[in-house]
Every structure is written in C-alpha cells, then in structure tokens.
C-alpha cells in the first residue's frame, strides 16, 4: 500500500518563505511525475508546479520566479520551496505522485499554508 504525506505548512508573514515536503512510502518501484496543487476556500484545486522523472519542471504563472519544485528520487520525495509569499498564496497545498507502471495517482492529505501579517 502506498502512502503520500506532506509536511512543512504553517503561518508566515507576507514576503516570507516556507518549504513543503512530500514523501511516498510503501511498495514503490517507480515514481513518475510529482506535483503540488493548492485549494483556497471557495475555489477549485489548481496546479502549482510539477516535475517529471526526467527533471522537467512546470509552474503556474503566478508562482514563477518565487516557487521552486524539486525531487529526490532516492527517497521518493518532492519539495516545494516557496519564497516571497503573498496573502493570495494562502491555501491547502496537496502533493500528488504518479506511481507504478500504470502511473496511478496518489494524493496526500494536504497541508495548510497561511500568509498573513
């Protein structure tokens, strides 16, 4: 059974930084794309950033230049470094990993990020 767990959320002032982590555990032979998504109250879940198993990254326009996604394949882990945070970045952040031959998607439980003074 595969589990995906996020950590690293919290309360930060505008302009501050946070680093989110997400690790997959269980019977894992291969992890393909890894991604971060977020959902603010009253809105749909939206893509923040993704990274392929080849290291190609993709970002939502509003976070380009501020957020950096990375991965550590040895530990089946992905990170989201968030700098210059803004109040509009406030949301629950979810990690998603495509795992196994079929690329089945596994989601974490979410971690709250609140940007407020």
C-alpha atoms as a PDB file:
ATOM      1  CA  UNK A   1       0.000   0.000   0.000  1.00  0.00           C
ATOM      2  CA  UNK A   2       1.300   3.437  -0.928  1.00  0.00           C
ATOM      3  CA  UNK A   3       1.079   6.474   1.300  1.00  0.00           C
ATOM      4  CA  UNK A   4       1.871  10.068   0.395  1.00  0.00           C
ATOM      5  CA  UNK A   5       2.402  12.502   3.254  1.00  0.00           C
ATOM      6  CA  UNK A   6       3.032  16.260   3.114  1.00  0.00           C
ATOM      7  CA  UNK A   7       4.661  18.389   5.776  1.00  0.00           C
ATOM      8  CA  UNK A   8       6.008  21.894   6.260  1.00  0.00           C
ATOM      9  CA  UNK A   9       2.939  24.115   6.128  1.00  0.00           C
ATOM     10  CA  UNK A  10       2.232  26.882   8.594  1.00  0.00           C
ATOM     11  CA  UNK A  11       1.696  30.581   9.159  1.00  0.00           C
ATOM     12  CA  UNK A  12       4.110  33.030   7.576  1.00  0.00           C
ATOM     13  CA  UNK A  13       4.160  36.788   7.044  1.00  0.00           C
ATOM     14  CA  UNK A  14       3.962  38.281   3.549  1.00  0.00           C
ATOM     15  CA  UNK A  15       7.378  38.172   1.931  1.00  0.00           C
ATOM     16  CA  UNK A  16       8.404  35.168   3.970  1.00  0.00           C
ATOM     17  CA  UNK A  17       9.369  31.656   2.927  1.00  0.00           C
ATOM     18  CA  UNK A  18       8.230  28.113   3.567  1.00  0.00           C
ATOM     19  CA  UNK A  19       9.444  24.744   2.348  1.00  0.00           C
ATOM     20  CA  UNK A  20       6.954  21.948   1.837  1.00  0.00           C
ATOM     21  CA  UNK A  21       7.989  18.308   1.699  1.00  0.00           C
ATOM     22  CA  UNK A  22       6.136  15.278   0.432  1.00  0.00           C
ATOM     23  CA  UNK A  23       7.274  11.681   0.765  1.00  0.00           C
ATOM     24  CA  UNK A  24       5.839   8.480  -0.662  1.00  0.00           C
ATOM     25  CA  UNK A  25       6.228   5.192   1.164  1.00  0.00           C
ATOM     26  CA  UNK A  26       5.152   1.601   0.666  1.00  0.00           C
ATOM     27  CA  UNK A  27       5.534  -0.767  -2.250  1.00  0.00           C
ATOM     28  CA  UNK A  28       7.059   1.636  -4.751  1.00  0.00           C
ATOM     29  CA  UNK A  29       9.080   0.596  -7.783  1.00  0.00           C
ATOM     30  CA  UNK A  30       8.888   3.784  -9.779  1.00  0.00           C
ATOM     31  CA  UNK A  31       7.612   7.324  -9.356  1.00  0.00           C
ATOM     32  CA  UNK A  32       6.853   9.335 -12.450  1.00  0.00           C
ATOM     33  CA  UNK A  33       5.524  12.896 -12.261  1.00  0.00           C
ATOM     34  CA  UNK A  34       5.372  14.629  -8.896  1.00  0.00           C
ATOM     35  CA  UNK A  35       3.285  17.725  -8.374  1.00  0.00           C
ATOM     36  CA  UNK A  36       1.953  20.294  -5.969  1.00  0.00           C
ATOM     37  CA  UNK A  37      -1.583  21.636  -6.113  1.00  0.00           C
ATOM     38  CA  UNK A  38      -3.478  24.042  -3.903  1.00  0.00           C
ATOM     39  CA  UNK A  39      -7.037  24.857  -3.000  1.00  0.00           C
ATOM     40  CA  UNK A  40      -8.206  28.041  -1.329  1.00  0.00           C
ATOM     41  CA  UNK A  41     -11.658  28.254   0.293  1.00  0.00           C
ATOM     42  CA  UNK A  42     -14.419  28.540  -2.285  1.00  0.00           C
ATOM     43  CA  UNK A  43     -12.136  27.775  -5.221  1.00  0.00           C
ATOM     44  CA  UNK A  44     -11.188  24.744  -7.283  1.00  0.00           C
ATOM     45  CA  UNK A  45      -7.967  22.889  -6.761  1.00  0.00           C
ATOM     46  CA  UNK A  46      -5.281  24.291  -9.054  1.00  0.00           C
ATOM     47  CA  UNK A  47      -1.887  23.166 -10.231  1.00  0.00           C
ATOM     48  CA  UNK A  48       1.065  24.944  -8.635  1.00  0.00           C
ATOM     49  CA  UNK A  49       4.081  23.077 -10.004  1.00  0.00           C
ATOM     50  CA  UNK A  50       5.100  19.717 -11.399  1.00  0.00           C
ATOM     51  CA  UNK A  51       8.357  17.892 -12.032  1.00  0.00           C
ATOM     52  CA  UNK A  52       8.788  14.876 -14.302  1.00  0.00           C
ATOM     53  CA  UNK A  53      11.006  11.905 -13.562  1.00  0.00           C
ATOM     54  CA  UNK A  54      13.414  13.489 -16.022  1.00  0.00           C
ATOM     55  CA  UNK A  55      13.543  16.697 -14.014  1.00  0.00           C
ATOM     56  CA  UNK A  56      11.456  18.894 -16.297  1.00  0.00           C
ATOM     57  CA  UNK A  57       9.518  21.442 -14.294  1.00  0.00           C
ATOM     58  CA  UNK A  58       6.320  23.360 -14.938  1.00  0.00           C
ATOM     59  CA  UNK A  59       4.840  26.215 -12.906  1.00  0.00           C
ATOM     60  CA  UNK A  60       1.632  28.151 -12.668  1.00  0.00           C
ATOM     61  CA  UNK A  61       2.333  31.668 -13.926  1.00  0.00           C
ATOM     62  CA  UNK A  62       1.542  33.322 -10.601  1.00  0.00           C
ATOM     63  CA  UNK A  63       4.333  31.425  -8.792  1.00  0.00           C
ATOM     64  CA  UNK A  64       7.067  31.563 -11.434  1.00  0.00           C
ATOM     65  CA  UNK A  65      10.232  33.076 -10.030  1.00  0.00           C
ATOM     66  CA  UNK A  66       9.022  32.624  -6.447  1.00  0.00           C
ATOM     67  CA  UNK A  67       8.446  28.873  -6.048  1.00  0.00           C
ATOM     68  CA  UNK A  68      10.837  26.047  -6.879  1.00  0.00           C
ATOM     69  CA  UNK A  69       9.885  22.393  -7.130  1.00  0.00           C
ATOM     70  CA  UNK A  70      12.493  19.678  -6.763  1.00  0.00           C
ATOM     71  CA  UNK A  71      12.660  15.939  -6.158  1.00  0.00           C
ATOM     72  CA  UNK A  72      14.879  13.350  -4.553  1.00  0.00           C
ATOM     73  CA  UNK A  73      14.329  10.074  -6.343  1.00  0.00           C
ATOM     74  CA  UNK A  74      16.332   8.071  -3.807  1.00  0.00           C
ATOM     75  CA  UNK A  75      13.790   8.975  -1.137  1.00  0.00           C
ATOM     76  CA  UNK A  76      10.651   9.284  -3.324  1.00  0.00           C
ATOM     77  CA  UNK A  77      10.325  12.836  -2.086  1.00  0.00           C
ATOM     78  CA  UNK A  78       9.402  16.157  -3.612  1.00  0.00           C
ATOM     79  CA  UNK A  79       9.898  19.631  -2.207  1.00  0.00           C
ATOM     80  CA  UNK A  80       8.292  22.989  -2.863  1.00  0.00           C
ATOM     81  CA  UNK A  81      10.400  25.963  -1.836  1.00  0.00           C
ATOM     82  CA  UNK A  82       8.139  28.995  -1.598  1.00  0.00           C
ATOM     83  CA  UNK A  83       9.705  32.459  -1.375  1.00  0.00           C
ATOM     84  CA  UNK A  84       8.234  35.963  -1.431  1.00  0.00           C
ATOM     85  CA  UNK A  85       4.935  34.588  -0.237  1.00  0.00           C
ATOM     86  CA  UNK A  86       1.785  36.641  -0.745  1.00  0.00           C
ATOM     87  CA  UNK A  87      -1.585  36.505   1.018  1.00  0.00           C
ATOM     88  CA  UNK A  88      -3.098  35.067  -2.171  1.00  0.00           C
ATOM     89  CA  UNK A  89      -0.854  32.018  -1.766  1.00  0.00           C
ATOM     90  CA  UNK A  90      -2.928  31.040   1.256  1.00  0.00           C
ATOM     91  CA  UNK A  91      -4.436  27.609   0.614  1.00  0.00           C
ATOM     92  CA  UNK A  92      -4.263  23.953   1.459  1.00  0.00           C
ATOM     93  CA  UNK A  93      -1.385  22.511  -0.522  1.00  0.00           C
ATOM     94  CA  UNK A  94      -1.601  18.943  -1.805  1.00  0.00           C
ATOM     95  CA  UNK A  95       1.061  16.668  -3.174  1.00  0.00           C
ATOM     96  CA  UNK A  96       0.326  14.209  -5.969  1.00  0.00           C
ATOM     97  CA  UNK A  97       2.573  11.462  -7.298  1.00  0.00           C
ATOM     98  CA  UNK A  98       2.134   9.178 -10.294  1.00  0.00           C
ATOM     99  CA  UNK A  99       3.436   5.802  -9.150  1.00  0.00           C
ATOM    100  CA  UNK A 100       3.984   2.410 -10.724  1.00  0.00           C
ATOM    101  CA  UNK A 101       3.716   1.033 -14.232  1.00  0.00           C
ATOM    102  CA  UNK A 102       0.223   2.458 -14.664  1.00  0.00           C
ATOM    103  CA  UNK A 103       1.125   5.856 -13.225  1.00  0.00           C
ATOM    104  CA  UNK A 104      -1.664   5.672 -10.676  1.00  0.00           C
ATOM    105  CA  UNK A 105      -2.111   8.969  -8.840  1.00  0.00           C
ATOM    106  CA  UNK A 106      -1.668   9.120  -5.089  1.00  0.00           C
ATOM    107  CA  UNK A 107      -2.613  12.242  -3.150  1.00  0.00           C
ATOM    108  CA  UNK A 108      -1.517  13.446   0.234  1.00  0.00           C
ATOM    109  CA  UNK A 109      -3.882  14.726   2.895  1.00  0.00           C
ATOM    110  CA  UNK A 110      -2.882  18.362   2.390  1.00  0.00           C
ATOM    111  CA  UNK A 111      -1.008  20.910   4.468  1.00  0.00           C
ATOM    112  CA  UNK A 112      -2.276  24.396   5.298  1.00  0.00           C
ATOM    113  CA  UNK A 113      -0.247  27.422   4.235  1.00  0.00           C
ATOM    114  CA  UNK A 114      -1.421  30.769   5.587  1.00  0.00           C
ATOM    115  CA  UNK A 115       0.245  34.030   4.559  1.00  0.00           C
ATOM    116  CA  UNK A 116      -0.857  36.837   6.815  1.00  0.00           C
ATOM    117  CA  UNK A 117       0.530  39.677   8.889  1.00  0.00           C
END
